Amino acid sequence: MNELLKHLEVWKLSKQKIFTCEGYEASITGELGDSKKARYIDLDTDKLVARATLWETGELELEALDIHSEERVIQKSCVAPEIWQLDDELNWWLSEVATY
Protein backbone atom coordinates (compact mmCIF):
# COMPACT_ATOMS: atom_id res chain seq x y z
CA MET A 1 0.00 0.00 0.00
CA ASN A 2 1.15 3.51 -0.83
CA GLU A 3 2.81 5.47 2.02
CA LEU A 4 0.22 8.28 1.89
CA LEU A 5 -2.68 5.83 2.00
CA LYS A 6 -1.10 4.00 4.95
CA HIS A 7 -0.64 7.30 6.79
CA LEU A 8 -4.42 7.73 7.12
CA GLU A 9 -4.33 5.07 9.85
CA VAL A 10 -1.54 6.91 11.69
CA TRP A 11 -3.43 10.21 11.49
CA LYS A 12 -6.68 8.62 12.70
CA LEU A 13 -4.91 7.01 15.68
CA SER A 14 -3.27 10.33 16.57
CA LYS A 15 -6.72 11.98 16.72
CA GLN A 16 -8.52 9.15 18.51
CA LYS A 17 -8.70 11.08 21.79
CA ILE A 18 -10.42 14.01 20.02
CA PHE A 19 -12.86 11.66 18.26
CA THR A 20 -13.74 9.99 21.56
CA CYS A 21 -14.12 13.27 23.52
CA GLU A 22 -16.28 14.84 20.81
CA GLY A 23 -18.37 11.70 20.25
CA TYR A 24 -17.29 11.40 16.61
CA GLU A 25 -17.47 8.10 14.79
CA ALA A 26 -14.41 7.71 12.53
CA SER A 27 -13.81 4.93 10.03
CA ILE A 28 -11.35 4.27 7.21
CA THR A 29 -11.96 2.10 4.17
CA GLY A 30 -9.49 -0.39 2.82
CA GLU A 31 -7.68 0.39 -0.41
CA LEU A 32 -10.15 0.90 -3.26
CA GLY A 33 -9.76 1.22 -7.02
CA ASP A 34 -7.79 -0.54 -9.72
CA SER A 35 -5.68 1.83 -11.80
CA LYS A 36 -5.61 4.56 -9.14
CA LYS A 37 -5.83 3.51 -5.48
CA ALA A 38 -7.80 5.53 -2.93
CA ARG A 39 -9.05 5.42 0.67
CA TYR A 40 -11.74 7.31 2.54
CA ILE A 41 -11.97 8.54 6.09
CA ASP A 42 -15.58 9.00 7.15
CA LEU A 43 -16.36 11.11 10.17
CA ASP A 44 -19.87 11.20 11.61
CA THR A 45 -20.81 13.83 14.15
CA ASP A 46 -24.17 14.94 15.54
CA LYS A 47 -24.26 17.78 12.96
CA LEU A 48 -22.18 16.63 9.99
CA VAL A 49 -21.29 13.71 7.80
CA ALA A 50 -17.73 14.34 6.63
CA ARG A 51 -15.43 12.50 4.25
CA ALA A 52 -11.80 12.86 3.26
CA THR A 53 -10.89 11.03 0.07
CA LEU A 54 -7.21 10.45 -0.62
CA TRP A 55 -5.75 9.03 -3.82
CA GLU A 56 -2.29 7.44 -3.94
CA THR A 57 -1.13 10.41 -6.05
CA GLY A 58 -1.74 12.77 -3.11
CA GLU A 59 -4.95 14.29 -4.45
CA LEU A 60 -7.23 15.00 -1.52
CA GLU A 61 -10.91 15.87 -1.41
CA LEU A 62 -12.26 17.19 1.90
CA GLU A 63 -15.98 17.63 2.36
CA ALA A 64 -18.82 17.67 4.86
CA LEU A 65 -22.59 17.79 4.65
CA ASP A 66 -24.94 19.26 7.22
CA ILE A 67 -27.15 16.38 8.41
CA HIS A 68 -30.31 18.48 8.66
CA SER A 69 -30.11 20.76 5.61
CA GLU A 70 -28.10 18.28 3.48
CA GLU A 71 -26.06 21.26 2.29
CA ARG A 72 -22.34 20.91 1.61
CA VAL A 73 -20.65 23.08 4.24
CA ILE A 74 -17.02 22.06 3.67
CA GLN A 75 -15.54 21.52 0.22
CA LYS A 76 -11.83 21.61 -0.54
CA SER A 77 -9.74 19.95 -3.22
CA CYS A 78 -5.96 19.99 -2.95
CA VAL A 79 -2.83 17.97 -3.54
CA ALA A 80 -0.82 16.72 -0.57
CA PRO A 81 2.09 14.68 -1.94
CA GLU A 82 4.03 14.75 1.36
CA ILE A 83 3.01 13.32 4.76
CA TRP A 84 3.34 16.72 6.49
CA GLN A 85 1.05 18.34 3.88
CA LEU A 86 -1.47 15.54 4.30
CA ASP A 87 -1.41 16.06 8.09
CA ASP A 88 -1.91 19.82 7.65
CA GLU A 89 -4.90 19.37 5.36
CA LEU A 90 -6.54 16.67 7.48
CA ASN A 91 -6.02 18.77 10.62
CA TRP A 92 -7.64 21.75 8.86
CA TRP A 93 -10.59 19.55 7.86
CA LEU A 94 -10.99 18.22 11.41
CA SER A 95 -10.89 21.75 12.88
CA GLU A 96 -13.55 22.89 10.39
CA VAL A 97 -15.74 19.93 11.34
CA ALA A 98 -15.21 20.60 15.06
CA THR A 99 -16.07 24.32 14.84
CA TYR A 100 -19.16 23.85 12.66
C-alpha atoms as a PDB file:
ATOM      1  CA  MET A   1       0.000   0.000   0.000  1.00  0.00           C
ATOM      2  CA  ASN A   2       1.147   3.505  -0.833  1.00  0.00           C
ATOM      3  CA  GLU A   3       2.810   5.473   2.019  1.00  0.00           C
ATOM      4  CA  LEU A   4       0.222   8.280   1.894  1.00  0.00           C
ATOM      5  CA  LEU A   5      -2.679   5.829   2.004  1.00  0.00           C
ATOM      6  CA  LYS A   6      -1.098   3.999   4.955  1.00  0.00           C
ATOM      7  CA  HIS A   7      -0.639   7.303   6.788  1.00  0.00           C
ATOM      8  CA  LEU A   8      -4.417   7.735   7.116  1.00  0.00           C
ATOM      9  CA  GLU A   9      -4.332   5.066   9.848  1.00  0.00           C
ATOM     10  CA  VAL A  10      -1.538   6.908  11.687  1.00  0.00           C
ATOM     11  CA  TRP A  11      -3.429  10.209  11.495  1.00  0.00           C
ATOM     12  CA  LYS A  12      -6.684   8.620  12.702  1.00  0.00           C
ATOM     13  CA  LEU A  13      -4.914   7.013  15.678  1.00  0.00           C
ATOM     14  CA  SER A  14      -3.265  10.332  16.571  1.00  0.00           C
ATOM     15  CA  LYS A  15      -6.720  11.984  16.716  1.00  0.00           C
ATOM     16  CA  GLN A  16      -8.523   9.149  18.508  1.00  0.00           C
ATOM     17  CA  LYS A  17      -8.695  11.080  21.793  1.00  0.00           C
ATOM     18  CA  ILE A  18     -10.420  14.006  20.015  1.00  0.00           C
ATOM     19  CA  PHE A  19     -12.861  11.664  18.259  1.00  0.00           C
ATOM     20  CA  THR A  20     -13.739   9.988  21.559  1.00  0.00           C
ATOM     21  CA  CYS A  21     -14.118  13.265  23.515  1.00  0.00           C
ATOM     22  CA  GLU A  22     -16.283  14.838  20.811  1.00  0.00           C
ATOM     23  CA  GLY A  23     -18.370  11.704  20.254  1.00  0.00           C
ATOM     24  CA  TYR A  24     -17.291  11.400  16.608  1.00  0.00           C
ATOM     25  CA  GLU A  25     -17.473   8.099  14.789  1.00  0.00           C
ATOM     26  CA  ALA A  26     -14.409   7.708  12.533  1.00  0.00           C
ATOM     27  CA  SER A  27     -13.808   4.926  10.028  1.00  0.00           C
ATOM     28  CA  ILE A  28     -11.352   4.269   7.212  1.00  0.00           C
ATOM     29  CA  THR A  29     -11.961   2.101   4.174  1.00  0.00           C
ATOM     30  CA  GLY A  30      -9.485  -0.392   2.822  1.00  0.00           C
ATOM     31  CA  GLU A  31      -7.675   0.389  -0.406  1.00  0.00           C
ATOM     32  CA  LEU A  32     -10.149   0.896  -3.261  1.00  0.00           C
ATOM     33  CA  GLY A  33      -9.757   1.222  -7.019  1.00  0.00           C
ATOM     34  CA  ASP A  34      -7.785  -0.539  -9.719  1.00  0.00           C
ATOM     35  CA  SER A  35      -5.684   1.831 -11.800  1.00  0.00           C
ATOM     36  CA  LYS A  36      -5.608   4.557  -9.139  1.00  0.00           C
ATOM     37  CA  LYS A  37      -5.829   3.509  -5.483  1.00  0.00           C
ATOM     38  CA  ALA A  38      -7.800   5.534  -2.932  1.00  0.00           C
ATOM     39  CA  ARG A  39      -9.046   5.416   0.669  1.00  0.00           C
ATOM     40  CA  TYR A  40     -11.741   7.307   2.545  1.00  0.00           C
ATOM     41  CA  ILE A  41     -11.972   8.536   6.091  1.00  0.00           C
ATOM     42  CA  ASP A  42     -15.581   9.001   7.145  1.00  0.00           C
ATOM     43  CA  LEU A  43     -16.358  11.115  10.168  1.00  0.00           C
ATOM     44  CA  ASP A  44     -19.874  11.201  11.608  1.00  0.00           C
ATOM     45  CA  THR A  45     -20.810  13.832  14.150  1.00  0.00           C
ATOM     46  CA  ASP A  46     -24.173  14.941  15.536  1.00  0.00           C
ATOM     47  CA  LYS A  47     -24.258  17.782  12.957  1.00  0.00           C
ATOM     48  CA  LEU A  48     -22.177  16.627   9.994  1.00  0.00           C
ATOM     49  CA  VAL A  49     -21.288  13.715   7.804  1.00  0.00           C
ATOM     50  CA  ALA A  50     -17.735  14.340   6.630  1.00  0.00           C
ATOM     51  CA  ARG A  51     -15.432  12.503   4.249  1.00  0.00           C
ATOM     52  CA  ALA A  52     -11.804  12.861   3.255  1.00  0.00           C
ATOM     53  CA  THR A  53     -10.894  11.026   0.066  1.00  0.00           C
ATOM     54  CA  LEU A  54      -7.209  10.452  -0.619  1.00  0.00           C
ATOM     55  CA  TRP A  55      -5.746   9.033  -3.816  1.00  0.00           C
ATOM     56  CA  GLU A  56      -2.289   7.440  -3.943  1.00  0.00           C
ATOM     57  CA  THR A  57      -1.130  10.405  -6.055  1.00  0.00           C
ATOM     58  CA  GLY A  58      -1.742  12.775  -3.115  1.00  0.00           C
ATOM     59  CA  GLU A  59      -4.951  14.286  -4.452  1.00  0.00           C
ATOM     60  CA  LEU A  60      -7.229  15.002  -1.524  1.00  0.00           C
ATOM     61  CA  GLU A  61     -10.909  15.867  -1.408  1.00  0.00           C
ATOM     62  CA  LEU A  62     -12.258  17.193   1.905  1.00  0.00           C
ATOM     63  CA  GLU A  63     -15.980  17.635   2.361  1.00  0.00           C
ATOM     64  CA  ALA A  64     -18.817  17.669   4.855  1.00  0.00           C
ATOM     65  CA  LEU A  65     -22.588  17.785   4.645  1.00  0.00           C
ATOM     66  CA  ASP A  66     -24.943  19.255   7.218  1.00  0.00           C
ATOM     67  CA  ILE A  67     -27.149  16.375   8.408  1.00  0.00           C
ATOM     68  CA  HIS A  68     -30.308  18.478   8.663  1.00  0.00           C
ATOM     69  CA  SER A  69     -30.112  20.761   5.615  1.00  0.00           C
ATOM     70  CA  GLU A  70     -28.098  18.281   3.481  1.00  0.00           C
ATOM     71  CA  GLU A  71     -26.055  21.264   2.286  1.00  0.00           C
ATOM     72  CA  ARG A  72     -22.342  20.910   1.606  1.00  0.00           C
ATOM     73  CA  VAL A  73     -20.651  23.081   4.236  1.00  0.00           C
ATOM     74  CA  ILE A  74     -17.024  22.059   3.666  1.00  0.00           C
ATOM     75  CA  GLN A  75     -15.541  21.519   0.219  1.00  0.00           C
ATOM     76  CA  LYS A  76     -11.832  21.606  -0.544  1.00  0.00           C
ATOM     77  CA  SER A  77      -9.741  19.953  -3.225  1.00  0.00           C
ATOM     78  CA  CYS A  78      -5.964  19.988  -2.951  1.00  0.00           C
ATOM     79  CA  VAL A  79      -2.830  17.966  -3.536  1.00  0.00           C
ATOM     80  CA  ALA A  80      -0.815  16.724  -0.570  1.00  0.00           C
ATOM     81  CA  PRO A  81       2.094  14.681  -1.938  1.00  0.00           C
ATOM     82  CA  GLU A  82       4.032  14.747   1.360  1.00  0.00           C
ATOM     83  CA  ILE A  83       3.007  13.318   4.757  1.00  0.00           C
ATOM     84  CA  TRP A  84       3.337  16.720   6.488  1.00  0.00           C
ATOM     85  CA  GLN A  85       1.054  18.336   3.878  1.00  0.00           C
ATOM     86  CA  LEU A  86      -1.473  15.540   4.298  1.00  0.00           C
ATOM     87  CA  ASP A  87      -1.413  16.063   8.086  1.00  0.00           C
ATOM     88  CA  ASP A  88      -1.908  19.821   7.651  1.00  0.00           C
ATOM     89  CA  GLU A  89      -4.899  19.366   5.358  1.00  0.00           C
ATOM     90  CA  LEU A  90      -6.541  16.667   7.484  1.00  0.00           C
ATOM     91  CA  ASN A  91      -6.020  18.772  10.620  1.00  0.00           C
ATOM     92  CA  TRP A  92      -7.644  21.750   8.856  1.00  0.00           C
ATOM     93  CA  TRP A  93     -10.590  19.546   7.863  1.00  0.00           C
ATOM     94  CA  LEU A  94     -10.994  18.223  11.414  1.00  0.00           C
ATOM     95  CA  SER A  95     -10.889  21.749  12.880  1.00  0.00           C
ATOM     96  CA  GLU A  96     -13.554  22.892  10.391  1.00  0.00           C
ATOM     97  CA  VAL A  97     -15.739  19.927  11.343  1.00  0.00           C
ATOM     98  CA  ALA A  98     -15.207  20.598  15.057  1.00  0.00           C
ATOM     99  CA  THR A  99     -16.065  24.320  14.835  1.00  0.00           C
ATOM    100  CA  TYR A 100     -19.164  23.852  12.658  1.00  0.00           C
END
